[in-house]
Amino acid sequence: MPYKYIDVEVSSKDFTDLKRTIDIFAKFIEALSGKIKSCNFNRYGKTRLSIRINSDESGIEKMVLSKAQELQRVGEIINFTREVKDWREPEFVVNAHELGTACAQELRRLFECNSNVYQAFQGRRDHFMGHFVLSMLNHAGFNITPIWSILRETPLREEITEKFEEMTNQCARIIKERLTEPPGASFLERFVHSFINCTAPDTEGVVMTWLLHASLWELIGDTWKTKELTEYAGTNREKLNQNLQLRRERIESSQKRNEYTTNVIDKRRSLYVPDAEPNPLTLCETIALLISRFRRKLMLCVRDRSR
């Protein structure tokens, strides 16, 4: 049985409140305890939450609608769709949203234990989330070098630094536990998008810009490493050939990922917007395509220099 989802409308105040949004999602999940295999949620617009569940239980749709009616009756939600629909996405998108939701739930739990850190989050949400995502990914095993000029202008308060690192490490553990193989670029973009969407969607532009800057400047730096390697190749020709072969394989892998990302975007548009003009790319999709195009140009530059 495919994933199911129901859209619910909440107040604009609850929609922007990380704790309230996750608590509403949790009430659906608790009501279906023991009857679902996995779950996730996403925010849309200014007041809409999409609650998604994966279950083989017969009659699960009635249970979901019953819980929605109960929450509306007590004033937890304003309204909901009267139909539970199928949510169909590629497996890597499903896995990314499940992981993003799980990390958001963990962050919500950690905020309850660390009020000072929560106050810092409330004070400057975009800078906080920028630091948090970078630190979380690095603790999870990725290698992202933050741009010094950004970090200089947006330092964390010293009194929360230690707790902050503990919290990012806790979320990183969830990532490491669930990832069984190196994630592709498309999975990683969907995961970061989902995590931000479930916690502080208004900060996505800042966080993605920070990640984009780090990625682009690292790619530019790699072109110099290749040039230096080529100049001093006379002393170690075998090592040079091995490195060049690895780079060729990365170029081919990157091209395949780029083609796959484009196909997924085109497929989603044709699936959800039939007989209509194409929608403009979302911020995350735009950044993903920009990185793909920039990476391709840099890789071609690397390949030309290595000849």
C-alpha atoms as a PDB file:
ATOM      1  CA  MET A   1       0.000   0.000   0.000  1.00  0.00           C
ATOM      2  CA  PRO A   2       1.461   3.415  -0.952  1.00  0.00           C
ATOM      3  CA  TYR A   3       2.055   6.278   1.425  1.00  0.00           C
ATOM      4  CA  LYS A   4      -1.098   8.221   2.337  1.00  0.00           C
ATOM      5  CA  TYR A   5      -1.467  11.866   3.255  1.00  0.00           C
ATOM      6  CA  ILE A   6      -4.010  14.298   4.628  1.00  0.00           C
ATOM      7  CA  ASP A   7      -3.712  18.092   4.525  1.00  0.00           C
ATOM      8  CA  VAL A   8      -4.757  20.046   7.606  1.00  0.00           C
ATOM      9  CA  GLU A   9      -5.063  23.784   8.107  1.00  0.00           C
ATOM     10  CA  VAL A  10      -3.684  25.369  11.260  1.00  0.00           C
ATOM     11  CA  SER A  11      -3.486  28.932  12.523  1.00  0.00           C
ATOM     12  CA  SER A  12      -0.679  31.098  11.130  1.00  0.00           C
ATOM     13  CA  LYS A  13       0.722  31.367  14.670  1.00  0.00           C
ATOM     14  CA  ASP A  14       0.904  27.586  15.090  1.00  0.00           C
ATOM     15  CA  PHE A  15       2.282  27.194  11.562  1.00  0.00           C
ATOM     16  CA  THR A  16       5.401  29.249  12.355  1.00  0.00           C
ATOM     17  CA  ASP A  17       5.883  27.686  15.810  1.00  0.00           C
ATOM     18  CA  LEU A  18       8.289  24.751  15.580  1.00  0.00           C
ATOM     19  CA  LYS A  19       6.972  23.129  18.759  1.00  0.00           C
ATOM     20  CA  ARG A  20       3.280  23.464  17.965  1.00  0.00           C
ATOM     21  CA  THR A  21       3.649  22.186  14.393  1.00  0.00           C
ATOM     22  CA  ILE A  22       5.561  19.077  15.434  1.00  0.00           C
ATOM     23  CA  ASP A  23       3.151  18.485  18.324  1.00  0.00           C
ATOM     24  CA  ILE A  24       0.155  18.475  15.947  1.00  0.00           C
ATOM     25  CA  PHE A  25       1.965  15.976  13.707  1.00  0.00           C
ATOM     26  CA  ALA A  26       2.819  13.863  16.766  1.00  0.00           C
ATOM     27  CA  LYS A  27      -0.845  13.658  17.826  1.00  0.00           C
ATOM     28  CA  PHE A  28      -1.729  12.021  14.522  1.00  0.00           C
ATOM     29  CA  ILE A  29       1.136   9.550  14.875  1.00  0.00           C
ATOM     30  CA  GLU A  30       0.303   8.705  18.484  1.00  0.00           C
ATOM     31  CA  ALA A  31      -3.322   8.013  17.527  1.00  0.00           C
ATOM     32  CA  LEU A  32      -2.079   5.525  14.908  1.00  0.00           C
ATOM     33  CA  SER A  33       0.555   3.929  17.131  1.00  0.00           C
ATOM     34  CA  GLY A  34       1.336   0.356  16.126  1.00  0.00           C
ATOM     35  CA  LYS A  35      -0.505   0.726  12.826  1.00  0.00           C
ATOM     36  CA  ILE A  36       2.073   2.610  10.738  1.00  0.00           C
ATOM     37  CA  LYS A  37       5.499   1.658   9.398  1.00  0.00           C
ATOM     38  CA  SER A  38       6.884   5.151   8.819  1.00  0.00           C
ATOM     39  CA  CYS A  39       5.764   8.761   8.578  1.00  0.00           C
ATOM     40  CA  ASN A  40       6.768  12.339   7.780  1.00  0.00           C
ATOM     41  CA  PHE A  41       5.227  15.761   7.297  1.00  0.00           C
ATOM     42  CA  ASN A  42       5.748  18.949   5.316  1.00  0.00           C
ATOM     43  CA  ARG A  43       4.527  22.553   5.421  1.00  0.00           C
ATOM     44  CA  TYR A  44       2.977  24.383   2.486  1.00  0.00           C
ATOM     45  CA  GLY A  45       1.959  27.987   2.003  1.00  0.00           C
ATOM     46  CA  LYS A  46       1.199  29.818   5.249  1.00  0.00           C
ATOM     47  CA  THR A  47      -1.133  27.481   7.134  1.00  0.00           C
ATOM     48  CA  ARG A  48      -1.140  23.994   5.552  1.00  0.00           C
ATOM     49  CA  LEU A  49       0.473  20.870   6.997  1.00  0.00           C
ATOM     50  CA  SER A  50       0.673  17.656   4.991  1.00  0.00           C
ATOM     51  CA  ILE A  51       0.637  14.627   7.323  1.00  0.00           C
ATOM     52  CA  ARG A  52       2.012  11.513   5.592  1.00  0.00           C
ATOM     53  CA  ILE A  53       1.825   7.933   6.824  1.00  0.00           C
ATOM     54  CA  ASN A  54       2.997   4.576   5.495  1.00  0.00           C
ATOM     55  CA  SER A  55       0.705   1.767   6.648  1.00  0.00           C
ATOM     56  CA  ASP A  56      -0.639  -1.593   5.480  1.00  0.00           C
ATOM     57  CA  GLU A  57      -3.488  -1.427   7.981  1.00  0.00           C
ATOM     58  CA  SER A  58      -6.940  -1.761   6.448  1.00  0.00           C
ATOM     59  CA  GLY A  59      -9.184   1.167   7.264  1.00  0.00           C
ATOM     60  CA  ILE A  60      -6.249   3.471   8.040  1.00  0.00           C
ATOM     61  CA  GLU A  61      -7.936   6.274   6.088  1.00  0.00           C
ATOM     62  CA  LYS A  62     -10.931   6.283   8.459  1.00  0.00           C
ATOM     63  CA  MET A  63      -8.619   6.397  11.467  1.00  0.00           C
ATOM     64  CA  VAL A  64      -6.764   9.404  10.044  1.00  0.00           C
ATOM     65  CA  LEU A  65      -9.995  11.256   9.255  1.00  0.00           C
ATOM     66  CA  SER A  66     -11.374  10.455  12.697  1.00  0.00           C
ATOM     67  CA  LYS A  67      -8.305  11.949  14.369  1.00  0.00           C
ATOM     68  CA  ALA A  68      -8.522  15.042  12.161  1.00  0.00           C
ATOM     69  CA  GLN A  69     -12.180  15.525  13.182  1.00  0.00           C
ATOM     70  CA  GLU A  70     -11.233  15.217  16.836  1.00  0.00           C
ATOM     71  CA  LEU A  71      -8.420  17.777  16.552  1.00  0.00           C
ATOM     72  CA  GLN A  72     -10.722  20.182  14.725  1.00  0.00           C
ATOM     73  CA  ARG A  73     -13.390  19.780  17.390  1.00  0.00           C
ATOM     74  CA  VAL A  74     -10.997  20.744  20.208  1.00  0.00           C
ATOM     75  CA  GLY A  75      -9.495  23.634  18.207  1.00  0.00           C
ATOM     76  CA  GLU A  76      -6.065  22.123  17.497  1.00  0.00           C
ATOM     77  CA  ILE A  77      -6.577  22.524  13.737  1.00  0.00           C
ATOM     78  CA  ILE A  78      -8.890  24.793  11.743  1.00  0.00           C
ATOM     79  CA  ASN A  79      -9.844  22.490   8.883  1.00  0.00           C
ATOM     80  CA  PHE A  80      -8.753  19.412   6.908  1.00  0.00           C
ATOM     81  CA  THR A  81      -9.294  17.736   3.563  1.00  0.00           C
ATOM     82  CA  ARG A  82     -12.138  15.197   3.665  1.00  0.00           C
ATOM     83  CA  GLU A  83     -10.106  12.671   1.696  1.00  0.00           C
ATOM     84  CA  VAL A  84      -6.909  10.743   2.412  1.00  0.00           C
ATOM     85  CA  LYS A  85      -4.902  10.580  -0.806  1.00  0.00           C
ATOM     86  CA  ASP A  86      -1.876   8.659  -2.113  1.00  0.00           C
ATOM     87  CA  TRP A  87       1.537  10.284  -1.769  1.00  0.00           C
ATOM     88  CA  ARG A  88       3.771   8.941  -4.537  1.00  0.00           C
ATOM     89  CA  GLU A  89       7.434   9.944  -4.729  1.00  0.00           C
ATOM     90  CA  PRO A  90      10.718   8.180  -5.622  1.00  0.00           C
ATOM     91  CA  GLU A  91      12.118   6.085  -2.780  1.00  0.00           C
ATOM     92  CA  PHE A  92      15.034   8.441  -2.131  1.00  0.00           C
ATOM     93  CA  VAL A  93      12.598  11.371  -1.684  1.00  0.00           C
ATOM     94  CA  VAL A  94      10.511   9.358   0.791  1.00  0.00           C
ATOM     95  CA  ASN A  95      13.617   8.350   2.753  1.00  0.00           C
ATOM     96  CA  ALA A  96      14.911  11.928   2.771  1.00  0.00           C
ATOM     97  CA  HIS A  97      11.623  13.302   4.141  1.00  0.00           C
ATOM     98  CA  GLU A  98      11.441  10.598   6.795  1.00  0.00           C
ATOM     99  CA  LEU A  99      14.977  11.434   7.918  1.00  0.00           C
ATOM    100  CA  GLY A 100      14.316  15.185   7.865  1.00  0.00           C
ATOM    101  CA  THR A 101      11.182  14.738   9.981  1.00  0.00           C
ATOM    102  CA  ALA A 102      13.000  12.497  12.468  1.00  0.00           C
ATOM    103  CA  CYS A 103      15.789  15.064  12.925  1.00  0.00           C
ATOM    104  CA  ALA A 104      13.228  17.853  13.357  1.00  0.00           C
ATOM    105  CA  GLN A 105      11.450  15.846  16.069  1.00  0.00           C
ATOM    106  CA  GLU A 106      14.778  15.306  17.818  1.00  0.00           C
ATOM    107  CA  LEU A 107      15.576  19.029  17.666  1.00  0.00           C
ATOM    108  CA  ARG A 108      12.154  19.818  19.150  1.00  0.00           C
ATOM    109  CA  ARG A 109      12.887  17.391  22.043  1.00  0.00           C
ATOM    110  CA  LEU A 110      16.323  18.916  22.611  1.00  0.00           C
ATOM    111  CA  PHE A 111      14.874  22.443  22.746  1.00  0.00           C
ATOM    112  CA  GLU A 112      12.740  21.326  25.710  1.00  0.00           C
ATOM    113  CA  CYS A 113      15.925  20.428  27.602  1.00  0.00           C
ATOM    114  CA  ASN A 114      17.902  23.523  26.557  1.00  0.00           C
ATOM    115  CA  SER A 115      15.845  26.695  26.972  1.00  0.00           C
ATOM    116  CA  ASN A 116      18.841  29.006  26.411  1.00  0.00           C
ATOM    117  CA  VAL A 117      19.510  27.448  23.019  1.00  0.00           C
ATOM    118  CA  TYR A 118      15.821  27.713  22.128  1.00  0.00           C
ATOM    119  CA  GLN A 119      15.907  31.424  22.970  1.00  0.00           C
ATOM    120  CA  ALA A 120      18.896  31.824  20.657  1.00  0.00           C
ATOM    121  CA  PHE A 121      16.917  30.059  17.918  1.00  0.00           C
ATOM    122  CA  GLN A 122      13.976  32.389  18.443  1.00  0.00           C
ATOM    123  CA  GLY A 123      16.240  35.433  18.431  1.00  0.00           C
ATOM    124  CA  ARG A 124      17.820  34.917  15.001  1.00  0.00           C
ATOM    125  CA  ARG A 125      16.334  31.852  13.371  1.00  0.00           C
ATOM    126  CA  ASP A 126      18.134  32.111  10.007  1.00  0.00           C
ATOM    127  CA  HIS A 127      21.626  32.392  11.490  1.00  0.00           C
ATOM    128  CA  PHE A 128      20.906  29.689  14.063  1.00  0.00           C
ATOM    129  CA  MET A 129      19.685  27.232  11.430  1.00  0.00           C
ATOM    130  CA  GLY A 130      22.613  28.043   9.154  1.00  0.00           C
ATOM    131  CA  HIS A 131      25.060  27.119  11.913  1.00  0.00           C
ATOM    132  CA  PHE A 132      22.989  24.107  12.960  1.00  0.00           C
ATOM    133  CA  VAL A 133      22.759  22.486   9.513  1.00  0.00           C
ATOM    134  CA  LEU A 134      26.468  22.989   8.786  1.00  0.00           C
ATOM    135  CA  SER A 135      27.495  21.551  12.158  1.00  0.00           C
ATOM    136  CA  MET A 136      25.001  18.657  11.953  1.00  0.00           C
ATOM    137  CA  LEU A 137      26.203  17.590   8.499  1.00  0.00           C
ATOM    138  CA  ASN A 138      29.850  17.770   9.530  1.00  0.00           C
ATOM    139  CA  HIS A 139      29.160  15.656  12.645  1.00  0.00           C
ATOM    140  CA  ALA A 140      27.336  13.175  10.405  1.00  0.00           C
ATOM    141  CA  GLY A 141      30.488  12.620   8.342  1.00  0.00           C
ATOM    142  CA  PHE A 142      30.237  15.173   5.552  1.00  0.00           C
ATOM    143  CA  ASN A 143      33.028  17.655   4.930  1.00  0.00           C
ATOM    144  CA  ILE A 144      31.640  21.170   4.560  1.00  0.00           C
ATOM    145  CA  THR A 145      33.916  24.125   5.210  1.00  0.00           C
ATOM    146  CA  PRO A 146      31.887  27.175   6.298  1.00  0.00           C
ATOM    147  CA  ILE A 147      32.861  30.450   4.655  1.00  0.00           C
ATOM    148  CA  TRP A 148      34.814  32.540   7.142  1.00  0.00           C
ATOM    149  CA  SER A 149      33.298  35.856   6.029  1.00  0.00           C
ATOM    150  CA  ILE A 150      29.810  34.540   6.894  1.00  0.00           C
ATOM    151  CA  LEU A 151      30.768  33.001  10.218  1.00  0.00           C
ATOM    152  CA  ARG A 152      32.592  36.172  11.236  1.00  0.00           C
ATOM    153  CA  GLU A 153      29.368  38.174  10.868  1.00  0.00           C
ATOM    154  CA  THR A 154      27.126  35.572  12.520  1.00  0.00           C
ATOM    155  CA  PRO A 155      28.916  34.090  15.541  1.00  0.00           C
ATOM    156  CA  LEU A 156      27.089  31.907  18.036  1.00  0.00           C
ATOM    157  CA  ARG A 157      26.768  33.211  21.572  1.00  0.00           C
ATOM    158  CA  GLU A 158      29.570  31.716  23.677  1.00  0.00           C
ATOM    159  CA  GLU A 159      27.242  30.598  26.466  1.00  0.00           C
ATOM    160  CA  ILE A 160      25.325  28.224  24.160  1.00  0.00           C
ATOM    161  CA  THR A 161      28.213  26.877  22.068  1.00  0.00           C
ATOM    162  CA  GLU A 162      28.796  23.709  24.100  1.00  0.00           C
ATOM    163  CA  LYS A 163      25.108  22.749  24.273  1.00  0.00           C
ATOM    164  CA  PHE A 164      24.690  23.668  20.619  1.00  0.00           C
ATOM    165  CA  GLU A 165      27.429  21.224  19.568  1.00  0.00           C
ATOM    166  CA  GLU A 166      25.877  18.473  21.691  1.00  0.00           C
ATOM    167  CA  MET A 167      22.518  19.048  20.000  1.00  0.00           C
ATOM    168  CA  THR A 168      23.913  18.975  16.461  1.00  0.00           C
ATOM    169  CA  ASN A 169      25.778  15.786  17.341  1.00  0.00           C
ATOM    170  CA  GLN A 170      22.558  14.181  18.586  1.00  0.00           C
ATOM    171  CA  CYS A 171      20.790  14.898  15.299  1.00  0.00           C
ATOM    172  CA  ALA A 172      23.864  13.717  13.373  1.00  0.00           C
ATOM    173  CA  ARG A 173      23.626  10.345  15.130  1.00  0.00           C
ATOM    174  CA  ILE A 174      20.178   9.831  13.639  1.00  0.00           C
ATOM    175  CA  ILE A 175      21.603  10.533  10.172  1.00  0.00           C
ATOM    176  CA  LYS A 176      24.478   8.079  10.655  1.00  0.00           C
ATOM    177  CA  GLU A 177      22.156   5.389  12.000  1.00  0.00           C
ATOM    178  CA  ARG A 178      19.800   5.604   9.014  1.00  0.00           C
ATOM    179  CA  LEU A 179      22.280   6.058   6.159  1.00  0.00           C
ATOM    180  CA  THR A 180      23.573   2.684   5.020  1.00  0.00           C
ATOM    181  CA  GLU A 181      25.426   3.988   1.944  1.00  0.00           C
ATOM    182  CA  PRO A 182      26.786   7.340   0.708  1.00  0.00           C
ATOM    183  CA  PRO A 183      23.806   9.566  -0.173  1.00  0.00           C
ATOM    184  CA  GLY A 184      23.488  11.148  -3.598  1.00  0.00           C
ATOM    185  CA  ALA A 185      23.222  14.882  -4.134  1.00  0.00           C
ATOM    186  CA  SER A 186      19.471  14.691  -4.777  1.00  0.00           C
ATOM    187  CA  PHE A 187      18.846  12.812  -1.529  1.00  0.00           C
ATOM    188  CA  LEU A 188      20.970  15.273   0.434  1.00  0.00           C
ATOM    189  CA  GLU A 189      19.161  18.291  -1.026  1.00  0.00           C
ATOM    190  CA  ARG A 190      15.750  16.763  -0.226  1.00  0.00           C
ATOM    191  CA  PHE A 191      16.860  15.885   3.313  1.00  0.00           C
ATOM    192  CA  VAL A 192      18.132  19.392   4.082  1.00  0.00           C
ATOM    193  CA  HIS A 193      14.983  20.896   2.565  1.00  0.00           C
ATOM    194  CA  SER A 194      12.760  18.593   4.653  1.00  0.00           C
ATOM    195  CA  PHE A 195      14.628  19.276   7.899  1.00  0.00           C
ATOM    196  CA  ILE A 196      14.398  23.042   7.422  1.00  0.00           C
ATOM    197  CA  ASN A 197      10.767  22.832   6.298  1.00  0.00           C
ATOM    198  CA  CYS A 198       9.821  20.913   9.455  1.00  0.00           C
ATOM    199  CA  THR A 199      11.683  23.302  11.768  1.00  0.00           C
ATOM    200  CA  ALA A 200      11.939  26.839  10.343  1.00  0.00           C
ATOM    201  CA  PRO A 201      10.909  27.099   6.664  1.00  0.00           C
ATOM    202  CA  ASP A 202      11.449  30.864   6.633  1.00  0.00           C
ATOM    203  CA  THR A 203      15.210  30.244   7.008  1.00  0.00           C
ATOM    204  CA  GLU A 204      15.660  28.008   3.940  1.00  0.00           C
ATOM    205  CA  GLY A 205      17.029  30.780   1.721  1.00  0.00           C
ATOM    206  CA  VAL A 206      19.821  31.655   4.164  1.00  0.00           C
ATOM    207  CA  VAL A 207      20.767  28.045   4.912  1.00  0.00           C
ATOM    208  CA  MET A 208      20.897  27.029   1.257  1.00  0.00           C
ATOM    209  CA  THR A 209      22.972  30.118   0.423  1.00  0.00           C
ATOM    210  CA  TRP A 210      25.517  29.196   3.092  1.00  0.00           C
ATOM    211  CA  LEU A 211      25.745  25.634   1.765  1.00  0.00           C
ATOM    212  CA  LEU A 212      25.971  26.864  -1.823  1.00  0.00           C
ATOM    213  CA  HIS A 213      28.851  29.234  -1.008  1.00  0.00           C
ATOM    214  CA  ALA A 214      30.747  26.483   0.802  1.00  0.00           C
ATOM    215  CA  SER A 215      30.283  24.032  -2.101  1.00  0.00           C
ATOM    216  CA  LEU A 216      31.211  26.458  -4.888  1.00  0.00           C
ATOM    217  CA  TRP A 217      34.383  27.767  -3.260  1.00  0.00           C
ATOM    218  CA  GLU A 218      35.490  24.238  -2.428  1.00  0.00           C
ATOM    219  CA  LEU A 219      35.040  23.239  -6.072  1.00  0.00           C
ATOM    220  CA  ILE A 220      37.074  26.239  -7.207  1.00  0.00           C
ATOM    221  CA  GLY A 221      39.804  25.298  -4.726  1.00  0.00           C
ATOM    222  CA  ASP A 222      39.898  21.768  -6.134  1.00  0.00           C
ATOM    223  CA  THR A 223      40.860  23.098  -9.575  1.00  0.00           C
ATOM    224  CA  TRP A 224      44.115  24.473  -8.107  1.00  0.00           C
ATOM    225  CA  LYS A 225      44.882  21.144  -6.415  1.00  0.00           C
ATOM    226  CA  THR A 226      44.578  19.457  -9.803  1.00  0.00           C
ATOM    227  CA  LYS A 227      46.880  22.011 -11.433  1.00  0.00           C
ATOM    228  CA  GLU A 228      49.495  21.563  -8.703  1.00  0.00           C
ATOM    229  CA  LEU A 229      49.284  17.779  -9.012  1.00  0.00           C
ATOM    230  CA  THR A 230      49.828  17.966 -12.756  1.00  0.00           C
ATOM    231  CA  GLU A 231      52.889  20.226 -12.446  1.00  0.00           C
ATOM    232  CA  TYR A 232      54.652  17.869 -10.057  1.00  0.00           C
ATOM    233  CA  ALA A 233      53.522  14.637 -11.677  1.00  0.00           C
ATOM    234  CA  GLY A 234      56.985  13.709 -12.906  1.00  0.00           C
ATOM    235  CA  THR A 235      57.912  12.255  -9.528  1.00  0.00           C
ATOM    236  CA  ASN A 236      54.804  10.108  -9.156  1.00  0.00           C
ATOM    237  CA  ARG A 237      53.163   9.322 -12.500  1.00  0.00           C
ATOM    238  CA  GLU A 238      51.235   6.307 -11.204  1.00  0.00           C
ATOM    239  CA  LYS A 239      49.589   8.321  -8.413  1.00  0.00           C
ATOM    240  CA  LEU A 240      48.694  11.040 -10.915  1.00  0.00           C
ATOM    241  CA  ASN A 241      46.981   8.551 -13.214  1.00  0.00           C
ATOM    242  CA  GLN A 242      45.008   7.101 -10.310  1.00  0.00           C
ATOM    243  CA  ASN A 243      43.806  10.554  -9.254  1.00  0.00           C
ATOM    244  CA  LEU A 244      42.876  11.507 -12.784  1.00  0.00           C
ATOM    245  CA  GLN A 245      40.911   8.277 -13.196  1.00  0.00           C
ATOM    246  CA  LEU A 246      39.022   9.009  -9.976  1.00  0.00           C
ATOM    247  CA  ARG A 247      38.181  12.483 -11.240  1.00  0.00           C
ATOM    248  CA  ARG A 248      36.918  11.094 -14.561  1.00  0.00           C
ATOM    249  CA  GLU A 249      34.672   8.676 -12.650  1.00  0.00           C
ATOM    250  CA  ARG A 250      33.370  11.552 -10.520  1.00  0.00           C
ATOM    251  CA  ILE A 251      32.605  13.571 -13.652  1.00  0.00           C
ATOM    252  CA  GLU A 252      30.619  10.665 -15.140  1.00  0.00           C
ATOM    253  CA  SER A 253      28.808  10.060 -11.828  1.00  0.00           C
ATOM    254  CA  SER A 254      27.981  13.759 -11.507  1.00  0.00           C
ATOM    255  CA  GLN A 255      26.594  13.876 -15.054  1.00  0.00           C
ATOM    256  CA  LYS A 256      24.350  10.874 -14.330  1.00  0.00           C
ATOM    257  CA  ARG A 257      23.076  12.484 -11.107  1.00  0.00           C
ATOM    258  CA  ASN A 258      22.385  15.726 -12.963  1.00  0.00           C
ATOM    259  CA  GLU A 259      20.387  13.892 -15.624  1.00  0.00           C
ATOM    260  CA  TYR A 260      18.460  11.994 -12.945  1.00  0.00           C
ATOM    261  CA  THR A 261      17.656  15.197 -11.008  1.00  0.00           C
ATOM    262  CA  THR A 262      16.376  16.881 -14.179  1.00  0.00           C
ATOM    263  CA  ASN A 263      14.247  13.842 -15.045  1.00  0.00           C
ATOM    264  CA  VAL A 264      12.739  13.740 -11.553  1.00  0.00           C
ATOM    265  CA  ILE A 265      11.850  17.443 -11.696  1.00  0.00           C
ATOM    266  CA  ASP A 266      10.273  17.024 -15.147  1.00  0.00           C
ATOM    267  CA  LYS A 267       8.389  13.938 -13.993  1.00  0.00           C
ATOM    268  CA  ARG A 268       7.015  15.705 -10.919  1.00  0.00           C
ATOM    269  CA  ARG A 269       5.796  18.603 -13.032  1.00  0.00           C
ATOM    270  CA  SER A 270       4.044  16.363 -15.537  1.00  0.00           C
ATOM    271  CA  LEU A 271       2.509  14.365 -12.655  1.00  0.00           C
ATOM    272  CA  TYR A 272       1.135  17.230 -10.622  1.00  0.00           C
ATOM    273  CA  VAL A 273       0.461  19.977 -13.206  1.00  0.00           C
ATOM    274  CA  PRO A 274      -1.052  18.336 -16.301  1.00  0.00           C
ATOM    275  CA  ASP A 275      -2.073  20.603 -19.182  1.00  0.00           C
ATOM    276  CA  ALA A 276      -0.639  23.659 -17.460  1.00  0.00           C
ATOM    277  CA  GLU A 277       2.307  25.965 -17.862  1.00  0.00           C
ATOM    278  CA  PRO A 278       5.422  24.659 -16.013  1.00  0.00           C
ATOM    279  CA  ASN A 279       5.760  25.991 -12.486  1.00  0.00           C
ATOM    280  CA  PRO A 280       8.876  28.020 -11.674  1.00  0.00           C
ATOM    281  CA  LEU A 281      11.567  26.021  -9.899  1.00  0.00           C
ATOM    282  CA  THR A 282      11.525  26.054  -6.124  1.00  0.00           C
ATOM    283  CA  LEU A 283      14.468  27.611  -4.314  1.00  0.00           C
ATOM    284  CA  CYS A 284      15.983  24.203  -3.541  1.00  0.00           C
ATOM    285  CA  GLU A 285      15.576  22.997  -7.141  1.00  0.00           C
ATOM    286  CA  THR A 286      17.137  26.196  -8.479  1.00  0.00           C
ATOM    287  CA  ILE A 287      20.143  25.855  -6.168  1.00  0.00           C
ATOM    288  CA  ALA A 288      20.509  22.164  -7.077  1.00  0.00           C
ATOM    289  CA  LEU A 289      20.565  22.965 -10.791  1.00  0.00           C
ATOM    290  CA  LEU A 290      22.990  25.860 -10.307  1.00  0.00           C
ATOM    291  CA  ILE A 291      25.394  23.603  -8.419  1.00  0.00           C
ATOM    292  CA  SER A 292      25.012  20.918 -11.096  1.00  0.00           C
ATOM    293  CA  ARG A 293      25.828  23.341 -13.914  1.00  0.00           C
ATOM    294  CA  PHE A 294      28.697  24.963 -12.041  1.00  0.00           C
ATOM    295  CA  ARG A 295      30.114  21.566 -11.084  1.00  0.00           C
ATOM    296  CA  ARG A 296      29.977  20.421 -14.718  1.00  0.00           C
ATOM    297  CA  LYS A 297      31.921  23.479 -15.911  1.00  0.00           C
ATOM    298  CA  LEU A 298      34.564  23.019 -13.221  1.00  0.00           C
ATOM    299  CA  MET A 299      34.913  19.315 -13.936  1.00  0.00           C
ATOM    300  CA  LEU A 300      35.364  20.009 -17.646  1.00  0.00           C
ATOM    301  CA  CYS A 301      38.051  22.530 -16.727  1.00  0.00           C
ATOM    302  CA  VAL A 302      39.754  19.903 -14.580  1.00  0.00           C
ATOM    303  CA  ARG A 303      39.589  17.354 -17.372  1.00  0.00           C
ATOM    304  CA  ASP A 304      41.085  19.762 -19.922  1.00  0.00           C
ATOM    305  CA  ARG A 305      43.991  20.620 -17.621  1.00  0.00           C
ATOM    306  CA  SER A 306      44.725  16.978 -16.916  1.00  0.00           C
ATOM    307  CA  ARG A 307      45.211  16.110 -20.596  1.00  0.00           C
END
